[in-house]
């Protein structure tokens, strides 16, 4: 197996853990989607804040290419 195939297997296993936890709780689909979107928003906002903070202090040159 190559490193790429091992990465795919690793990420698939990392995705199975939270999905199986949500399935075990038997939450309604609408509530699950709302929670997932809330977590995406939280991590998205934190990512933007970190990028802005690094840009303000000049330490985010590696991430600077992502935003132009």
PDB file of N, CA and C in Angstrom:
ATOM      1  N   UNK A   1       0.842  -1.185   0.000  1.00  0.00           N
ATOM      2  CA  UNK A   1       0.000   0.000   0.000  1.00  0.00           C
ATOM      3  C   UNK A   1       0.885   1.245   0.000  1.00  0.00           C
ATOM      4  N   UNK A   2       0.422   2.259  -0.690  1.00  0.00           N
ATOM      5  CA  UNK A   2       1.164   3.512  -0.727  1.00  0.00           C
ATOM      6  C   UNK A   2       0.718   4.402   0.422  1.00  0.00           C
ATOM      7  N   UNK A   3       1.434   5.501   0.581  1.00  0.00           N
ATOM      8  CA  UNK A   3       1.069   6.440   1.641  1.00  0.00           C
ATOM      9  C   UNK A   3      -0.307   7.042   1.392  1.00  0.00           C
ATOM     10  N   UNK A   4      -0.665   7.272   0.125  1.00  0.00           N
ATOM     11  CA  UNK A   4      -1.971   7.856  -0.170  1.00  0.00           C
ATOM     12  C   UNK A   4      -3.104   6.930   0.225  1.00  0.00           C
ATOM     13  N   UNK A   5      -2.954   5.653  -0.039  1.00  0.00           N
ATOM     14  CA  UNK A   5      -4.019   4.728   0.335  1.00  0.00           C
ATOM     15  C   UNK A   5      -4.118   4.597   1.856  1.00  0.00           C
ATOM     16  N   UNK A   6      -3.007   4.674   2.545  1.00  0.00           N
ATOM     17  CA  UNK A   6      -3.047   4.636   4.006  1.00  0.00           C
ATOM     18  C   UNK A   6      -3.707   5.899   4.561  1.00  0.00           C
ATOM     19  N   UNK A   7      -3.475   7.042   3.924  1.00  0.00           N
ATOM     20  CA  UNK A   7      -4.135   8.271   4.350  1.00  0.00           C
ATOM     21  C   UNK A   7      -5.642   8.164   4.189  1.00  0.00           C
ATOM     22  N   UNK A   8      -6.076   7.604   3.079  1.00  0.00           N
ATOM     23  CA  UNK A   8      -7.511   7.449   2.841  1.00  0.00           C
ATOM     24  C   UNK A   8      -8.130   6.536   3.895  1.00  0.00           C
ATOM     25  N   UNK A   9      -7.458   5.449   4.203  1.00  0.00           N
ATOM     26  CA  UNK A   9      -7.962   4.525   5.229  1.00  0.00           C
ATOM     27  C   UNK A   9      -8.011   5.217   6.587  1.00  0.00           C
ATOM     28  N   UNK A  10      -6.975   5.976   6.919  1.00  0.00           N
ATOM     29  CA  UNK A  10      -6.924   6.689   8.194  1.00  0.00           C
ATOM     30  C   UNK A  10      -8.069   7.689   8.310  1.00  0.00           C
ATOM     31  N   UNK A  11      -8.274   8.500   7.274  1.00  0.00           N
ATOM     32  CA  UNK A  11      -9.335   9.511   7.323  1.00  0.00           C
ATOM     33  C   UNK A  11     -10.714   8.870   7.332  1.00  0.00           C
ATOM     34  N   UNK A  12     -10.871   7.750   6.644  1.00  0.00           N
ATOM     35  CA  UNK A  12     -12.156   7.052   6.680  1.00  0.00           C
ATOM     36  C   UNK A  12     -12.442   6.545   8.090  1.00  0.00           C
ATOM     37  N   UNK A  13     -11.440   5.996   8.752  1.00  0.00           N
ATOM     38  CA  UNK A  13     -11.629   5.528  10.127  1.00  0.00           C
ATOM     39  C   UNK A  13     -11.913   6.692  11.071  1.00  0.00           C
ATOM     40  N   UNK A  14     -11.266   7.822  10.852  1.00  0.00           N
ATOM     41  CA  UNK A  14     -11.510   8.992  11.693  1.00  0.00           C
ATOM     42  C   UNK A  14     -12.916   9.544  11.478  1.00  0.00           C
ATOM     43  N   UNK A  15     -13.488   9.347  10.309  1.00  0.00           N
ATOM     44  CA  UNK A  15     -14.848   9.800  10.033  1.00  0.00           C
ATOM     45  C   UNK A  15     -15.879   8.826  10.596  1.00  0.00           C
ATOM     46  N   UNK A  16     -15.549   7.558  10.641  1.00  0.00           N
ATOM     47  CA  UNK A  16     -16.487   6.550  11.141  1.00  0.00           C
ATOM     48  C   UNK A  16     -16.771   6.753  12.632  1.00  0.00           C
ATOM     49  N   UNK A  17     -15.795   7.187  13.393  1.00  0.00           N
ATOM     50  CA  UNK A  17     -15.972   7.342  14.838  1.00  0.00           C
ATOM     51  C   UNK A  17     -17.094   8.319  15.195  1.00  0.00           C
ATOM     52  N   UNK A  18     -17.073   9.578  14.722  1.00  0.00           N
ATOM     53  CA  UNK A  18     -18.182  10.472  15.099  1.00  0.00           C
ATOM     54  C   UNK A  18     -19.511  10.073  14.464  1.00  0.00           C
ATOM     55  N   UNK A  19     -19.470   9.517  13.261  1.00  0.00           N
ATOM     56  CA  UNK A  19     -20.720   9.099  12.619  1.00  0.00           C
ATOM     57  C   UNK A  19     -21.374   7.966  13.405  1.00  0.00           C
ATOM     58  N   UNK A  20     -20.574   7.012  13.862  1.00  0.00           N
ATOM     59  CA  UNK A  20     -21.141   5.906  14.631  1.00  0.00           C
ATOM     60  C   UNK A  20     -21.655   6.384  15.989  1.00  0.00           C
ATOM     61  N   UNK A  21     -20.996   7.370  16.575  1.00  0.00           N
ATOM     62  CA  UNK A  21     -21.477   7.915  17.849  1.00  0.00           C
ATOM     63  C   UNK A  21     -22.831   8.597  17.673  1.00  0.00           C
ATOM     64  N   UNK A  22     -22.981   9.349  16.589  1.00  0.00           N
ATOM     65  CA  UNK A  22     -24.268   9.990  16.333  1.00  0.00           C
ATOM     66  C   UNK A  22     -25.343   8.959  16.010  1.00  0.00           C
ATOM     67  N   UNK A  23     -24.987   7.919  15.273  1.00  0.00           N
ATOM     68  CA  UNK A  23     -25.959   6.877  14.933  1.00  0.00           C
ATOM     69  C   UNK A  23     -26.412   6.132  16.191  1.00  0.00           C
ATOM     70  N   UNK A  24     -25.517   5.943  17.139  1.00  0.00           N
ATOM     71  CA  UNK A  24     -25.867   5.234  18.368  1.00  0.00           C
ATOM     72  C   UNK A  24     -26.850   6.038  19.210  1.00  0.00           C
ATOM     73  N   UNK A  25     -26.791   7.359  19.111  1.00  0.00           N
ATOM     74  CA  UNK A  25     -27.716   8.192  19.883  1.00  0.00           C
ATOM     75  C   UNK A  25     -29.089   8.267  19.241  1.00  0.00           C
ATOM     76  N   UNK A  26     -29.206   7.851  17.991  1.00  0.00           N
ATOM     77  CA  UNK A  26     -30.472   7.828  17.245  1.00  0.00           C
ATOM     78  C   UNK A  26     -31.159   9.182  17.248  1.00  0.00           C
ATOM     79  N   UNK A  27     -30.392  10.224  16.915  1.00  0.00           N
ATOM     80  CA  UNK A  27     -30.948  11.563  16.830  1.00  0.00           C
ATOM     81  C   UNK A  27     -31.682  11.736  15.503  1.00  0.00           C
ATOM     82  N   UNK A  28     -32.686  12.604  15.489  1.00  0.00           N
ATOM     83  CA  UNK A  28     -33.355  12.897  14.213  1.00  0.00           C
ATOM     84  C   UNK A  28     -32.376  13.536  13.227  1.00  0.00           C
ATOM     85  N   UNK A  29     -32.606  13.284  11.939  1.00  0.00           N
ATOM     86  CA  UNK A  29     -31.682  13.754  10.910  1.00  0.00           C
ATOM     87  C   UNK A  29     -31.563  15.275  10.905  1.00  0.00           C
ATOM     88  N   UNK A  30     -32.668  15.975  11.070  1.00  0.00           N
ATOM     89  CA  UNK A  30     -32.633  17.438  11.063  1.00  0.00           C
ATOM     90  C   UNK A  30     -31.780  18.003  12.186  1.00  0.00           C
ATOM     91  N   UNK A  31     -31.898  17.401  13.351  1.00  0.00           N
ATOM     92  CA  UNK A  31     -31.106  17.858  14.504  1.00  0.00           C
ATOM     93  C   UNK A  31     -29.619  17.560  14.294  1.00  0.00           C
ATOM     94  N   UNK A  32     -29.335  16.422  13.710  1.00  0.00           N
ATOM     95  CA  UNK A  32     -27.948  16.053  13.433  1.00  0.00           C
ATOM     96  C   UNK A  32     -27.320  17.010  12.442  1.00  0.00           C
ATOM     97  N   UNK A  33     -28.058  17.371  11.404  1.00  0.00           N
ATOM     98  CA  UNK A  33     -27.531  18.302  10.403  1.00  0.00           C
ATOM     99  C   UNK A  33     -27.290  19.674  11.026  1.00  0.00           C
ATOM    100  N   UNK A  34     -28.209  20.120  11.892  1.00  0.00           N
ATOM    101  CA  UNK A  34     -28.010  21.408  12.565  1.00  0.00           C
ATOM    102  C   UNK A  34     -26.753  21.395  13.428  1.00  0.00           C
ATOM    103  N   UNK A  35     -26.531  20.309  14.158  1.00  0.00           N
ATOM    104  CA  UNK A  35     -25.322  20.214  14.989  1.00  0.00           C
ATOM    105  C   UNK A  35     -24.067  20.186  14.133  1.00  0.00           C
ATOM    106  N   UNK A  36     -24.112  19.465  13.027  1.00  0.00           N
ATOM    107  CA  UNK A  36     -22.947  19.386  12.147  1.00  0.00           C
ATOM    108  C   UNK A  36     -22.635  20.758  11.563  1.00  0.00           C
ATOM    109  N   UNK A  37     -23.643  21.483  11.133  1.00  0.00           N
ATOM    110  CA  UNK A  37     -23.418  22.824  10.588  1.00  0.00           C
ATOM    111  C   UNK A  37     -22.899  23.787  11.651  1.00  0.00           C
ATOM    112  N   UNK A  38     -23.357  23.623  12.883  1.00  0.00           N
ATOM    113  CA  UNK A  38     -22.856  24.466  13.971  1.00  0.00           C
ATOM    114  C   UNK A  38     -21.366  24.209  14.198  1.00  0.00           C
ATOM    115  N   UNK A  39     -20.948  22.937  14.180  1.00  0.00           N
ATOM    116  CA  UNK A  39     -19.532  22.627  14.369  1.00  0.00           C
ATOM    117  C   UNK A  39     -18.692  23.128  13.197  1.00  0.00           C
ATOM    118  N   UNK A  40     -19.196  23.023  11.990  1.00  0.00           N
ATOM    119  CA  UNK A  40     -18.472  23.545  10.826  1.00  0.00           C
ATOM    120  C   UNK A  40     -18.305  25.052  10.957  1.00  0.00           C
ATOM    121  N   UNK A  41     -19.356  25.736  11.408  1.00  0.00           N
ATOM    122  CA  UNK A  41     -19.276  27.186  11.592  1.00  0.00           C
ATOM    123  C   UNK A  41     -18.269  27.554  12.683  1.00  0.00           C
ATOM    124  N   UNK A  42     -18.282  26.817  13.785  1.00  0.00           N
ATOM    125  CA  UNK A  42     -17.348  27.100  14.879  1.00  0.00           C
ATOM    126  C   UNK A  42     -15.905  26.951  14.411  1.00  0.00           C
ATOM    127  N   UNK A  43     -15.599  25.829  13.758  1.00  0.00           N
ATOM    128  CA  UNK A  43     -14.225  25.627  13.303  1.00  0.00           C
ATOM    129  C   UNK A  43     -13.857  26.580  12.174  1.00  0.00           C
ATOM    130  N   UNK A  44     -14.809  26.941  11.336  1.00  0.00           N
ATOM    131  CA  UNK A  44     -14.539  27.913  10.273  1.00  0.00           C
ATOM    132  C   UNK A  44     -14.199  29.284  10.837  1.00  0.00           C
ATOM    133  N   UNK A  45     -14.958  29.719  11.823  1.00  0.00           N
ATOM    134  CA  UNK A  45     -14.693  31.015  12.454  1.00  0.00           C
ATOM    135  C   UNK A  45     -13.341  30.998  13.159  1.00  0.00           C
ATOM    136  N   UNK A  46     -13.051  29.913  13.869  1.00  0.00           N
ATOM    137  CA  UNK A  46     -11.751  29.812  14.540  1.00  0.00           C
ATOM    138  C   UNK A  46     -10.605  29.819  13.532  1.00  0.00           C
ATOM    139  N   UNK A  47     -10.781  29.142  12.400  1.00  0.00           N
ATOM    140  CA  UNK A  47      -9.747  29.131  11.372  1.00  0.00           C
ATOM    141  C   UNK A  47      -9.503  30.533  10.838  1.00  0.00           C
ATOM    142  N   UNK A  48     -10.574  31.262  10.556  1.00  0.00           N
ATOM    143  CA  UNK A  48     -10.426  32.629  10.045  1.00  0.00           C
ATOM    144  C   UNK A  48      -9.745  33.512  11.081  1.00  0.00           C
ATOM    145  N   UNK A  49     -10.116  33.377  12.351  1.00  0.00           N
ATOM    146  CA  UNK A  49      -9.479  34.185  13.399  1.00  0.00           C
ATOM    147  C   UNK A  49      -7.993  33.886  13.525  1.00  0.00           C
ATOM    148  N   UNK A  50      -7.612  32.624  13.428  1.00  0.00           N
ATOM    149  CA  UNK A  50      -6.197  32.259  13.515  1.00  0.00           C
ATOM    150  C   UNK A  50      -5.431  32.829  12.323  1.00  0.00           C
ATOM    151  N   UNK A  51      -6.007  32.743  11.135  1.00  0.00           N
ATOM    152  CA  UNK A  51      -5.339  33.278   9.951  1.00  0.00           C
ATOM    153  C   UNK A  51      -5.179  34.797  10.076  1.00  0.00           C
ATOM    154  N   UNK A  52      -6.207  35.487  10.547  1.00  0.00           N
ATOM    155  CA  UNK A  52      -6.107  36.935  10.730  1.00  0.00           C
ATOM    156  C   UNK A  52      -5.070  37.286  11.792  1.00  0.00           C
ATOM    157  N   UNK A  53      -5.041  36.517  12.885  1.00  0.00           N
ATOM    158  CA  UNK A  53      -4.072  36.768  13.950  1.00  0.00           C
ATOM    159  C   UNK A  53      -2.647  36.551  13.448  1.00  0.00           C
ATOM    160  N   UNK A  54      -2.435  35.469  12.693  1.00  0.00           N
ATOM    161  CA  UNK A  54      -1.107  35.204  12.153  1.00  0.00           C
ATOM    162  C   UNK A  54      -0.705  36.275  11.139  1.00  0.00           C
ATOM    163  N   UNK A  55      -1.662  36.747  10.357  1.00  0.00           N
ATOM    164  CA  UNK A  55      -1.372  37.806   9.401  1.00  0.00           C
ATOM    165  C   UNK A  55      -0.995  39.107  10.092  1.00  0.00           C
ATOM    166  N   UNK A  56      -1.625  39.395  11.222  1.00  0.00           N
ATOM    167  CA  UNK A  56      -1.332  40.620  11.955  1.00  0.00           C
ATOM    168  C   UNK A  56       0.070  40.594  12.541  1.00  0.00           C
ATOM    169  N   UNK A  57       0.551  39.423  12.914  1.00  0.00           N
ATOM    170  CA  UNK A  57       1.875  39.315  13.503  1.00  0.00           C
ATOM    171  C   UNK A  57       2.928  38.830  12.516  1.00  0.00           C
ATOM    172  N   UNK A  58       2.549  38.628  11.264  1.00  0.00           N
ATOM    173  CA  UNK A  58       3.509  38.237  10.240  1.00  0.00           C
ATOM    174  C   UNK A  58       3.970  36.801  10.317  1.00  0.00           C
ATOM    175  N   UNK A  59       3.243  35.963  11.033  1.00  0.00           N
ATOM    176  CA  UNK A  59       3.665  34.574  11.145  1.00  0.00           C
ATOM    177  C   UNK A  59       2.868  33.647  10.241  1.00  0.00           C
ATOM    178  N   UNK A  60       1.912  34.175   9.496  1.00  0.00           N
ATOM    179  CA  UNK A  60       1.056  33.344   8.681  1.00  0.00           C
ATOM    180  C   UNK A  60       1.417  33.349   7.209  1.00  0.00           C
ATOM    181  N   UNK A  61       2.692  33.431   6.895  1.00  0.00           N
ATOM    182  CA  UNK A  61       3.084  33.501   5.480  1.00  0.00           C
ATOM    183  C   UNK A  61       2.733  32.218   4.739  1.00  0.00           C
ATOM    184  N   UNK A  62       2.724  31.096   5.426  1.00  0.00           N
ATOM    185  CA  UNK A  62       2.386  29.830   4.758  1.00  0.00           C
ATOM    186  C   UNK A  62       0.910  29.802   4.392  1.00  0.00           C
ATOM    187  N   UNK A  63       0.058  30.386   5.197  1.00  0.00           N
ATOM    188  CA  UNK A  63      -1.375  30.396   4.913  1.00  0.00           C
ATOM    189  C   UNK A  63      -1.768  31.590   4.043  1.00  0.00           C
ATOM    190  N   UNK A  64      -0.880  32.508   3.851  1.00  0.00           N
ATOM    191  CA  UNK A  64      -1.194  33.692   3.046  1.00  0.00           C
ATOM    192  C   UNK A  64      -1.552  33.361   1.616  1.00  0.00           C
ATOM    193  N   UNK A  65      -0.967  32.305   1.085  1.00  0.00           N
ATOM    194  CA  UNK A  65      -1.254  31.907  -0.278  1.00  0.00           C
ATOM    195  C   UNK A  65      -2.670  31.387  -0.474  1.00  0.00           C
ATOM    196  N   UNK A  66      -3.308  30.962   0.597  1.00  0.00           N
ATOM    197  CA  UNK A  66      -4.671  30.450   0.484  1.00  0.00           C
ATOM    198  C   UNK A  66      -5.670  31.549   0.160  1.00  0.00           C
ATOM    199  N   UNK A  67      -5.393  32.753   0.614  1.00  0.00           N
ATOM    200  CA  UNK A  67      -6.352  33.837   0.477  1.00  0.00           C
ATOM    201  C   UNK A  67      -5.906  34.910  -0.513  1.00  0.00           C
ATOM    202  N   UNK A  68      -4.899  34.641  -1.275  1.00  0.00           N
ATOM    203  CA  UNK A  68      -4.501  35.594  -2.310  1.00  0.00           C
ATOM    204  C   UNK A  68      -3.379  36.385  -1.870  1.00  0.00           C
TER     205      UNK A  68
END
